[in-house]
Amino acid sequence: MHHRHWRRARRHYEWAACGPDIAGEERHRSTSPRGCKTVFSSRREQDSVFGSSGLGTRRPLRFLAHRLDLTQDQVNEASRILERLKIEREQSAVDLRRAAADVADAFDADTFDMERTDAATQKRVEAARAVQRAVAVTLREFHELLDEDQRSHLATLIRTRAIRF
């Protein structure tokens, strides 16, 4: 009984995203056996694709290529742009882990090392600023890459949070 209930709840959750998005456009890419369309099977998967924790280049690139009707040259350039952003975010994650380790080391010592904690906090601030700069550069490069209609459509996708940088 429990297993059947879980499958029914999961099936409902997976296909619950049917219908238009906030802008009134279809946001789906595959069709279920019932004819309902779905984009993501869970919110966690959606956040991992477009979320602030990282913007991978594979699915967002396909999403942008489809939604903005990008040419092959634009797709190639967008891939390069998104890859640089991904690398910057990965470096930031490494810096944040190092800062956390420094704070833990300062806390674990016999006497609290305030200088080490301040340095770790500064690493975190610098990592966040580096990602902010990388996002700004990415947005500038996308602005230069896209034509007027594509920029307008991307602005709508950003406003409706269909994609986040």
N, C-alpha and C. Protein backbone atom coordinates (compact mmCIF):
# COMPACT_ATOMS: atom_id res chain seq x y z
N MET A 1 0.83 -1.19 0.00
CA MET A 1 0.00 0.00 0.00
C MET A 1 0.87 1.26 0.00
N HIS A 2 1.89 1.27 0.84
CA HIS A 2 2.77 2.43 0.93
C HIS A 2 3.48 2.67 -0.40
N HIS A 3 3.97 1.60 -1.02
CA HIS A 3 4.70 1.71 -2.28
C HIS A 3 3.80 2.29 -3.38
N ARG A 4 2.56 1.81 -3.46
CA ARG A 4 1.63 2.30 -4.46
C ARG A 4 1.31 3.78 -4.25
N HIS A 5 1.14 4.17 -3.01
CA HIS A 5 0.86 5.57 -2.70
C HIS A 5 2.02 6.47 -3.14
N TRP A 6 3.26 6.02 -2.87
CA TRP A 6 4.43 6.81 -3.27
C TRP A 6 4.48 6.97 -4.78
N ARG A 7 4.24 5.88 -5.53
CA ARG A 7 4.27 5.97 -6.99
C ARG A 7 3.20 6.93 -7.50
N ARG A 8 2.02 6.88 -6.92
CA ARG A 8 0.94 7.76 -7.35
C ARG A 8 1.30 9.21 -7.05
N ALA A 9 1.84 9.47 -5.87
CA ALA A 9 2.22 10.84 -5.51
C ALA A 9 3.34 11.34 -6.41
N ARG A 10 4.32 10.49 -6.70
CA ARG A 10 5.43 10.89 -7.57
C ARG A 10 4.92 11.18 -8.98
N ARG A 11 4.04 10.31 -9.48
CA ARG A 11 3.50 10.50 -10.82
C ARG A 11 2.75 11.84 -10.88
N HIS A 12 1.97 12.13 -9.85
CA HIS A 12 1.25 13.41 -9.81
C HIS A 12 2.23 14.58 -9.78
N TYR A 13 3.28 14.46 -8.98
CA TYR A 13 4.26 15.53 -8.86
C TYR A 13 4.99 15.76 -10.18
N GLU A 14 5.36 14.68 -10.86
CA GLU A 14 6.10 14.82 -12.11
C GLU A 14 5.28 15.50 -13.19
N TRP A 15 3.99 15.23 -13.24
CA TRP A 15 3.17 15.77 -14.31
C TRP A 15 2.39 17.00 -13.87
N ALA A 16 2.63 17.49 -12.67
CA ALA A 16 1.88 18.63 -12.15
C ALA A 16 2.23 19.94 -12.82
N ALA A 17 3.32 19.98 -13.58
CA ALA A 17 3.76 21.22 -14.19
C ALA A 17 3.09 21.51 -15.53
N CYS A 18 1.96 20.87 -15.79
CA CYS A 18 1.28 21.05 -17.08
C CYS A 18 0.76 22.46 -17.24
N GLY A 19 0.73 22.93 -18.48
CA GLY A 19 0.14 24.23 -18.77
C GLY A 19 1.17 25.28 -19.05
N PRO A 20 0.70 26.49 -19.31
CA PRO A 20 1.63 27.57 -19.67
C PRO A 20 2.36 28.11 -18.46
N ASP A 21 3.50 28.75 -18.73
CA ASP A 21 4.26 29.39 -17.66
C ASP A 21 3.68 30.77 -17.38
N ILE A 22 4.36 31.55 -16.57
CA ILE A 22 3.87 32.86 -16.16
C ILE A 22 3.63 33.78 -17.36
N ALA A 23 4.50 33.68 -18.35
CA ALA A 23 4.37 34.54 -19.53
C ALA A 23 3.33 34.01 -20.51
N GLY A 24 2.68 32.87 -20.18
CA GLY A 24 1.65 32.32 -21.04
C GLY A 24 2.19 31.43 -22.14
N GLU A 25 3.48 31.09 -22.08
CA GLU A 25 4.08 30.26 -23.11
C GLU A 25 4.25 28.84 -22.59
N GLU A 26 4.18 27.87 -23.50
CA GLU A 26 4.42 26.49 -23.11
C GLU A 26 5.87 26.34 -22.69
N ARG A 27 6.10 25.66 -21.58
CA ARG A 27 7.44 25.54 -21.04
C ARG A 27 7.91 24.09 -21.01
N HIS A 28 7.28 23.24 -21.77
CA HIS A 28 7.50 21.82 -21.63
C HIS A 28 8.25 21.26 -22.83
N ARG A 29 8.88 20.09 -22.62
CA ARG A 29 9.64 19.52 -23.72
C ARG A 29 9.32 18.06 -24.00
N SER A 30 8.72 17.34 -23.11
CA SER A 30 8.40 15.94 -23.38
C SER A 30 6.98 15.65 -22.95
N THR A 31 6.41 14.62 -23.49
CA THR A 31 5.02 14.29 -23.22
C THR A 31 4.92 13.02 -22.41
N SER A 32 4.06 13.03 -21.42
CA SER A 32 3.82 11.85 -20.59
C SER A 32 2.86 10.91 -21.30
N PRO A 33 2.67 9.70 -20.77
CA PRO A 33 1.70 8.79 -21.37
C PRO A 33 0.28 9.35 -21.37
N ARG A 34 -0.01 10.26 -20.48
CA ARG A 34 -1.35 10.85 -20.41
C ARG A 34 -1.51 12.05 -21.33
N GLY A 35 -0.46 12.42 -22.02
CA GLY A 35 -0.55 13.56 -22.92
C GLY A 35 -0.14 14.87 -22.27
N CYS A 36 0.16 14.84 -20.99
CA CYS A 36 0.60 16.04 -20.28
C CYS A 36 2.09 16.21 -20.50
N LYS A 37 2.54 17.42 -20.60
CA LYS A 37 3.96 17.66 -20.87
C LYS A 37 4.67 18.08 -19.59
N THR A 38 5.98 17.81 -19.53
CA THR A 38 6.76 18.15 -18.35
C THR A 38 8.16 18.61 -18.73
N VAL A 39 8.72 19.46 -17.91
CA VAL A 39 10.09 19.92 -18.10
C VAL A 39 11.01 19.22 -17.13
N PHE A 40 10.69 19.26 -15.86
CA PHE A 40 11.55 18.72 -14.82
C PHE A 40 10.74 17.78 -13.94
N SER A 41 11.41 16.78 -13.38
CA SER A 41 10.70 15.86 -12.51
C SER A 41 10.68 16.35 -11.07
N SER A 42 11.53 17.32 -10.74
CA SER A 42 11.53 17.83 -9.37
C SER A 42 12.09 19.24 -9.34
N ARG A 43 11.76 19.96 -8.31
CA ARG A 43 12.27 21.32 -8.13
C ARG A 43 13.79 21.29 -7.94
N ARG A 44 14.28 20.25 -7.26
CA ARG A 44 15.73 20.14 -7.03
C ARG A 44 16.48 20.03 -8.36
N GLU A 45 15.94 19.24 -9.29
CA GLU A 45 16.58 19.13 -10.60
C GLU A 45 16.57 20.47 -11.31
N GLN A 46 15.47 21.19 -11.22
CA GLN A 46 15.38 22.50 -11.85
C GLN A 46 16.40 23.46 -11.26
N ASP A 47 16.53 23.48 -9.94
CA ASP A 47 17.50 24.36 -9.32
C ASP A 47 18.92 23.99 -9.69
N SER A 48 19.19 22.70 -9.85
CA SER A 48 20.54 22.32 -10.20
C SER A 48 20.88 22.74 -11.63
N VAL A 49 19.88 22.88 -12.48
CA VAL A 49 20.13 23.28 -13.85
C VAL A 49 20.25 24.79 -13.98
N PHE A 50 19.30 25.52 -13.42
CA PHE A 50 19.28 26.96 -13.60
C PHE A 50 19.55 27.74 -12.32
N GLY A 51 19.78 27.05 -11.24
CA GLY A 51 19.86 27.71 -9.96
C GLY A 51 21.15 28.45 -9.70
N SER A 52 21.15 29.15 -8.57
CA SER A 52 22.30 29.97 -8.22
C SER A 52 23.48 29.12 -7.77
N SER A 53 23.25 27.86 -7.48
CA SER A 53 24.37 27.03 -7.06
C SER A 53 25.29 26.70 -8.23
N GLY A 54 24.82 26.93 -9.43
CA GLY A 54 25.65 26.67 -10.59
C GLY A 54 24.82 26.64 -11.85
N LEU A 55 25.38 27.11 -12.90
CA LEU A 55 24.68 27.11 -14.16
C LEU A 55 25.48 26.24 -15.10
N GLY A 56 25.07 24.99 -15.25
CA GLY A 56 25.75 24.10 -16.17
C GLY A 56 25.57 24.61 -17.59
N THR A 57 26.32 24.07 -18.52
CA THR A 57 26.22 24.58 -19.88
C THR A 57 25.41 23.69 -20.79
N ARG A 58 25.13 22.48 -20.44
CA ARG A 58 24.48 21.59 -21.36
C ARG A 58 23.00 21.89 -21.54
N ARG A 59 22.22 21.73 -20.51
CA ARG A 59 20.78 21.96 -20.62
C ARG A 59 20.44 23.44 -20.80
N PRO A 60 21.05 24.35 -20.06
CA PRO A 60 20.73 25.75 -20.30
C PRO A 60 21.05 26.17 -21.73
N LEU A 61 22.09 25.61 -22.28
CA LEU A 61 22.44 25.95 -23.66
C LEU A 61 21.35 25.46 -24.61
N ARG A 62 20.90 24.25 -24.43
CA ARG A 62 19.80 23.74 -25.27
C ARG A 62 18.54 24.55 -25.07
N PHE A 63 18.26 24.88 -23.82
CA PHE A 63 17.08 25.68 -23.50
C PHE A 63 17.16 27.03 -24.20
N LEU A 64 18.29 27.71 -24.07
CA LEU A 64 18.45 29.01 -24.71
C LEU A 64 18.42 28.90 -26.23
N ALA A 65 19.08 27.89 -26.76
CA ALA A 65 19.10 27.71 -28.22
C ALA A 65 17.69 27.53 -28.75
N HIS A 66 16.89 26.77 -28.04
CA HIS A 66 15.51 26.54 -28.47
C HIS A 66 14.65 27.78 -28.27
N ARG A 67 14.68 28.34 -27.08
CA ARG A 67 13.79 29.45 -26.76
C ARG A 67 14.15 30.73 -27.50
N LEU A 68 15.45 30.96 -27.76
CA LEU A 68 15.87 32.19 -28.43
C LEU A 68 16.13 31.98 -29.91
N ASP A 69 15.95 30.75 -30.39
CA ASP A 69 16.17 30.42 -31.80
C ASP A 69 17.57 30.87 -32.24
N LEU A 70 18.57 30.38 -31.52
CA LEU A 70 19.96 30.76 -31.79
C LEU A 70 20.48 30.08 -33.06
N THR A 71 21.33 30.78 -33.78
CA THR A 71 22.03 30.18 -34.91
C THR A 71 23.15 29.30 -34.37
N GLN A 72 23.75 28.49 -35.23
CA GLN A 72 24.83 27.61 -34.79
C GLN A 72 26.02 28.43 -34.28
N ASP A 73 26.35 29.53 -34.93
CA ASP A 73 27.44 30.39 -34.45
C ASP A 73 27.13 30.96 -33.07
N GLN A 74 25.87 31.36 -32.85
CA GLN A 74 25.47 31.88 -31.55
C GLN A 74 25.53 30.78 -30.49
N VAL A 75 25.14 29.57 -30.85
CA VAL A 75 25.21 28.45 -29.91
C VAL A 75 26.65 28.19 -29.49
N ASN A 76 27.56 28.21 -30.47
CA ASN A 76 28.98 27.99 -30.15
C ASN A 76 29.51 29.06 -29.22
N GLU A 77 29.18 30.32 -29.49
CA GLU A 77 29.65 31.41 -28.64
C GLU A 77 28.99 31.36 -27.25
N ALA A 78 27.69 31.05 -27.21
CA ALA A 78 27.00 30.93 -25.93
C ALA A 78 27.61 29.81 -25.08
N SER A 79 27.99 28.74 -25.72
CA SER A 79 28.64 27.63 -25.01
C SER A 79 29.93 28.10 -24.36
N ARG A 80 30.73 28.86 -25.09
CA ARG A 80 31.98 29.38 -24.56
C ARG A 80 31.72 30.31 -23.37
N ILE A 81 30.73 31.18 -23.52
CA ILE A 81 30.39 32.14 -22.46
C ILE A 81 29.94 31.40 -21.19
N LEU A 82 29.04 30.44 -21.36
CA LEU A 82 28.51 29.71 -20.21
C LEU A 82 29.58 28.84 -19.55
N GLU A 83 30.49 28.32 -20.34
CA GLU A 83 31.57 27.51 -19.78
C GLU A 83 32.47 28.35 -18.87
N ARG A 84 32.77 29.58 -19.29
CA ARG A 84 33.59 30.46 -18.45
C ARG A 84 32.88 30.77 -17.13
N LEU A 85 31.57 31.00 -17.19
CA LEU A 85 30.81 31.26 -15.97
C LEU A 85 30.82 30.03 -15.07
N LYS A 86 30.66 28.87 -15.65
CA LYS A 86 30.68 27.63 -14.87
C LYS A 86 32.02 27.46 -14.17
N ILE A 87 33.11 27.72 -14.87
CA ILE A 87 34.44 27.59 -14.28
C ILE A 87 34.61 28.57 -13.12
N GLU A 88 34.15 29.80 -13.29
CA GLU A 88 34.25 30.80 -12.21
C GLU A 88 33.45 30.36 -10.99
N ARG A 89 32.27 29.81 -11.20
CA ARG A 89 31.46 29.34 -10.07
C ARG A 89 32.12 28.16 -9.38
N GLU A 90 32.73 27.27 -10.14
CA GLU A 90 33.43 26.14 -9.53
C GLU A 90 34.61 26.61 -8.69
N GLN A 91 35.34 27.60 -9.19
CA GLN A 91 36.46 28.15 -8.43
C GLN A 91 35.97 28.81 -7.15
N SER A 92 34.84 29.49 -7.25
CA SER A 92 34.25 30.11 -6.07
C SER A 92 33.87 29.05 -5.03
N ALA A 93 33.34 27.94 -5.48
CA ALA A 93 32.97 26.86 -4.55
C ALA A 93 34.20 26.32 -3.85
N VAL A 94 35.31 26.20 -4.58
CA VAL A 94 36.57 25.74 -3.96
C VAL A 94 37.02 26.75 -2.90
N ASP A 95 36.96 28.04 -3.24
CA ASP A 95 37.36 29.09 -2.29
C ASP A 95 36.48 29.07 -1.04
N LEU A 96 35.19 28.83 -1.21
CA LEU A 96 34.28 28.78 -0.06
C LEU A 96 34.59 27.58 0.83
N ARG A 97 34.94 26.44 0.22
CA ARG A 97 35.31 25.26 1.02
C ARG A 97 36.60 25.52 1.80
N ARG A 98 37.54 26.19 1.16
CA ARG A 98 38.79 26.53 1.86
C ARG A 98 38.53 27.49 3.02
N ALA A 99 37.66 28.45 2.79
CA ALA A 99 37.33 29.40 3.85
C ALA A 99 36.65 28.69 5.02
N ALA A 100 35.76 27.77 4.71
CA ALA A 100 35.08 27.01 5.77
C ALA A 100 36.09 26.18 6.57
N ALA A 101 37.06 25.60 5.87
CA ALA A 101 38.09 24.82 6.56
C ALA A 101 38.93 25.73 7.46
N ASP A 102 39.23 26.93 7.00
CA ASP A 102 40.01 27.87 7.82
C ASP A 102 39.24 28.27 9.08
N VAL A 103 37.95 28.50 8.94
CA VAL A 103 37.12 28.85 10.11
C VAL A 103 37.08 27.67 11.08
N ALA A 104 36.92 26.47 10.55
CA ALA A 104 36.89 25.29 11.41
C ALA A 104 38.22 25.11 12.13
N ASP A 105 39.33 25.34 11.45
CA ASP A 105 40.64 25.24 12.09
C ASP A 105 40.81 26.30 13.18
N ALA A 106 40.34 27.50 12.92
CA ALA A 106 40.43 28.57 13.93
C ALA A 106 39.60 28.22 15.15
N PHE A 107 38.46 27.60 14.94
CA PHE A 107 37.58 27.24 16.05
C PHE A 107 38.11 26.04 16.81
N ASP A 108 38.79 25.15 16.13
CA ASP A 108 39.27 23.92 16.74
C ASP A 108 40.53 24.12 17.58
N ALA A 109 41.21 25.23 17.42
CA ALA A 109 42.46 25.48 18.15
C ALA A 109 42.16 25.75 19.64
N ASP A 110 43.22 25.71 20.45
CA ASP A 110 43.08 25.98 21.88
C ASP A 110 42.59 27.40 22.14
N THR A 111 43.11 28.35 21.36
CA THR A 111 42.65 29.74 21.45
C THR A 111 42.09 30.13 20.09
N PHE A 112 41.03 30.89 20.11
CA PHE A 112 40.37 31.28 18.86
C PHE A 112 41.27 32.24 18.09
N ASP A 113 41.51 31.93 16.81
CA ASP A 113 42.38 32.73 15.95
C ASP A 113 41.53 33.69 15.13
N MET A 114 41.40 34.92 15.63
CA MET A 114 40.55 35.91 14.97
C MET A 114 41.12 36.31 13.61
N GLU A 115 42.42 36.41 13.49
CA GLU A 115 43.02 36.80 12.21
C GLU A 115 42.70 35.77 11.12
N ARG A 116 42.80 34.50 11.48
CA ARG A 116 42.48 33.45 10.51
C ARG A 116 41.01 33.50 10.11
N THR A 117 40.15 33.78 11.06
CA THR A 117 38.72 33.89 10.78
C THR A 117 38.44 35.09 9.87
N ASP A 118 39.08 36.21 10.15
CA ASP A 118 38.91 37.40 9.30
C ASP A 118 39.39 37.12 7.87
N ALA A 119 40.51 36.44 7.75
CA ALA A 119 41.02 36.10 6.42
C ALA A 119 40.06 35.16 5.68
N ALA A 120 39.49 34.22 6.42
CA ALA A 120 38.52 33.30 5.80
C ALA A 120 37.27 34.06 5.35
N THR A 121 36.82 34.98 6.15
CA THR A 121 35.66 35.80 5.78
C THR A 121 35.96 36.63 4.54
N GLN A 122 37.16 37.16 4.48
CA GLN A 122 37.57 37.94 3.31
C GLN A 122 37.60 37.06 2.05
N LYS A 123 38.03 35.80 2.17
CA LYS A 123 38.02 34.87 1.04
C LYS A 123 36.60 34.67 0.52
N ARG A 124 35.67 34.56 1.45
CA ARG A 124 34.27 34.37 1.05
C ARG A 124 33.74 35.58 0.30
N VAL A 125 34.07 36.77 0.79
CA VAL A 125 33.63 37.99 0.13
C VAL A 125 34.23 38.11 -1.27
N GLU A 126 35.51 37.80 -1.38
CA GLU A 126 36.19 37.87 -2.69
C GLU A 126 35.61 36.85 -3.66
N ALA A 127 35.28 35.66 -3.18
CA ALA A 127 34.69 34.64 -4.04
C ALA A 127 33.33 35.09 -4.56
N ALA A 128 32.53 35.69 -3.68
CA ALA A 128 31.22 36.19 -4.11
C ALA A 128 31.36 37.32 -5.13
N ARG A 129 32.31 38.21 -4.91
CA ARG A 129 32.53 39.31 -5.86
C ARG A 129 33.00 38.77 -7.21
N ALA A 130 33.84 37.76 -7.21
CA ALA A 130 34.32 37.18 -8.47
C ALA A 130 33.17 36.58 -9.27
N VAL A 131 32.26 35.92 -8.58
CA VAL A 131 31.10 35.36 -9.28
C VAL A 131 30.19 36.48 -9.79
N GLN A 132 29.99 37.53 -8.99
CA GLN A 132 29.18 38.66 -9.45
C GLN A 132 29.78 39.30 -10.70
N ARG A 133 31.09 39.47 -10.71
CA ARG A 133 31.76 40.03 -11.90
C ARG A 133 31.58 39.11 -13.10
N ALA A 134 31.74 37.81 -12.89
CA ALA A 134 31.60 36.84 -13.97
C ALA A 134 30.18 36.84 -14.53
N VAL A 135 29.19 36.96 -13.67
CA VAL A 135 27.80 37.03 -14.14
C VAL A 135 27.58 38.31 -14.95
N ALA A 136 28.13 39.43 -14.47
CA ALA A 136 27.98 40.69 -15.21
C ALA A 136 28.65 40.59 -16.58
N VAL A 137 29.82 39.99 -16.65
CA VAL A 137 30.51 39.81 -17.93
C VAL A 137 29.69 38.89 -18.84
N THR A 138 29.14 37.83 -18.27
CA THR A 138 28.31 36.90 -19.04
C THR A 138 27.11 37.62 -19.63
N LEU A 139 26.44 38.42 -18.82
CA LEU A 139 25.27 39.15 -19.32
C LEU A 139 25.66 40.15 -20.41
N ARG A 140 26.79 40.84 -20.23
CA ARG A 140 27.26 41.77 -21.26
C ARG A 140 27.54 41.03 -22.56
N GLU A 141 28.20 39.88 -22.47
CA GLU A 141 28.53 39.11 -23.66
C GLU A 141 27.27 38.57 -24.34
N PHE A 142 26.28 38.15 -23.56
CA PHE A 142 25.02 37.72 -24.16
C PHE A 142 24.32 38.89 -24.83
N HIS A 143 24.38 40.05 -24.23
CA HIS A 143 23.77 41.24 -24.85
C HIS A 143 24.39 41.51 -26.20
N GLU A 144 25.71 41.40 -26.29
CA GLU A 144 26.41 41.62 -27.56
C GLU A 144 26.13 40.52 -28.57
N LEU A 145 25.91 39.30 -28.10
CA LEU A 145 25.71 38.15 -28.97
C LEU A 145 24.32 38.12 -29.62
N LEU A 146 23.32 38.56 -28.88
CA LEU A 146 21.93 38.40 -29.33
C LEU A 146 21.44 39.61 -30.12
N ASP A 147 20.47 39.35 -31.00
CA ASP A 147 19.84 40.47 -31.70
C ASP A 147 18.74 41.05 -30.80
N GLU A 148 18.09 42.08 -31.25
CA GLU A 148 17.13 42.81 -30.41
C GLU A 148 15.98 41.92 -29.93
N ASP A 149 15.40 41.12 -30.83
CA ASP A 149 14.29 40.25 -30.43
C ASP A 149 14.74 39.18 -29.44
N GLN A 150 15.92 38.62 -29.67
CA GLN A 150 16.45 37.61 -28.75
C GLN A 150 16.74 38.20 -27.38
N ARG A 151 17.27 39.42 -27.35
CA ARG A 151 17.53 40.09 -26.06
C ARG A 151 16.23 40.31 -25.31
N SER A 152 15.21 40.74 -26.03
CA SER A 152 13.91 40.97 -25.40
C SER A 152 13.35 39.68 -24.82
N HIS A 153 13.47 38.60 -25.57
CA HIS A 153 12.97 37.31 -25.09
C HIS A 153 13.78 36.81 -23.89
N LEU A 154 15.10 36.99 -23.92
CA LEU A 154 15.93 36.59 -22.78
C LEU A 154 15.57 37.43 -21.55
N ALA A 155 15.30 38.70 -21.74
CA ALA A 155 14.89 39.55 -20.61
C ALA A 155 13.61 39.01 -19.99
N THR A 156 12.68 38.56 -20.81
CA THR A 156 11.43 37.98 -20.30
C THR A 156 11.72 36.69 -19.53
N LEU A 157 12.61 35.86 -20.04
CA LEU A 157 12.96 34.63 -19.35
C LEU A 157 13.61 34.92 -17.99
N ILE A 158 14.41 35.96 -17.93
CA ILE A 158 15.03 36.35 -16.66
C ILE A 158 13.99 36.91 -15.70
N ARG A 159 13.11 37.76 -16.20
CA ARG A 159 12.05 38.34 -15.34
C ARG A 159 11.16 37.28 -14.75
N THR A 160 10.79 36.29 -15.54
CA THR A 160 9.88 35.24 -15.08
C THR A 160 10.61 34.12 -14.35
N ARG A 161 11.92 34.26 -14.22
CA ARG A 161 12.77 33.29 -13.52
C ARG A 161 12.77 31.93 -14.20
N ALA A 162 12.52 31.92 -15.50
CA ALA A 162 12.64 30.67 -16.26
C ALA A 162 14.12 30.30 -16.36
N ILE A 163 14.97 31.31 -16.28
CA ILE A 163 16.41 31.09 -16.23
C ILE A 163 17.02 32.11 -15.31
N ARG A 164 18.02 31.68 -14.56
CA ARG A 164 18.71 32.58 -13.63
C ARG A 164 20.19 32.46 -13.86
N PHE A 165 20.88 33.58 -13.79
CA PHE A 165 22.33 33.57 -13.95
C PHE A 165 23.03 33.71 -12.63
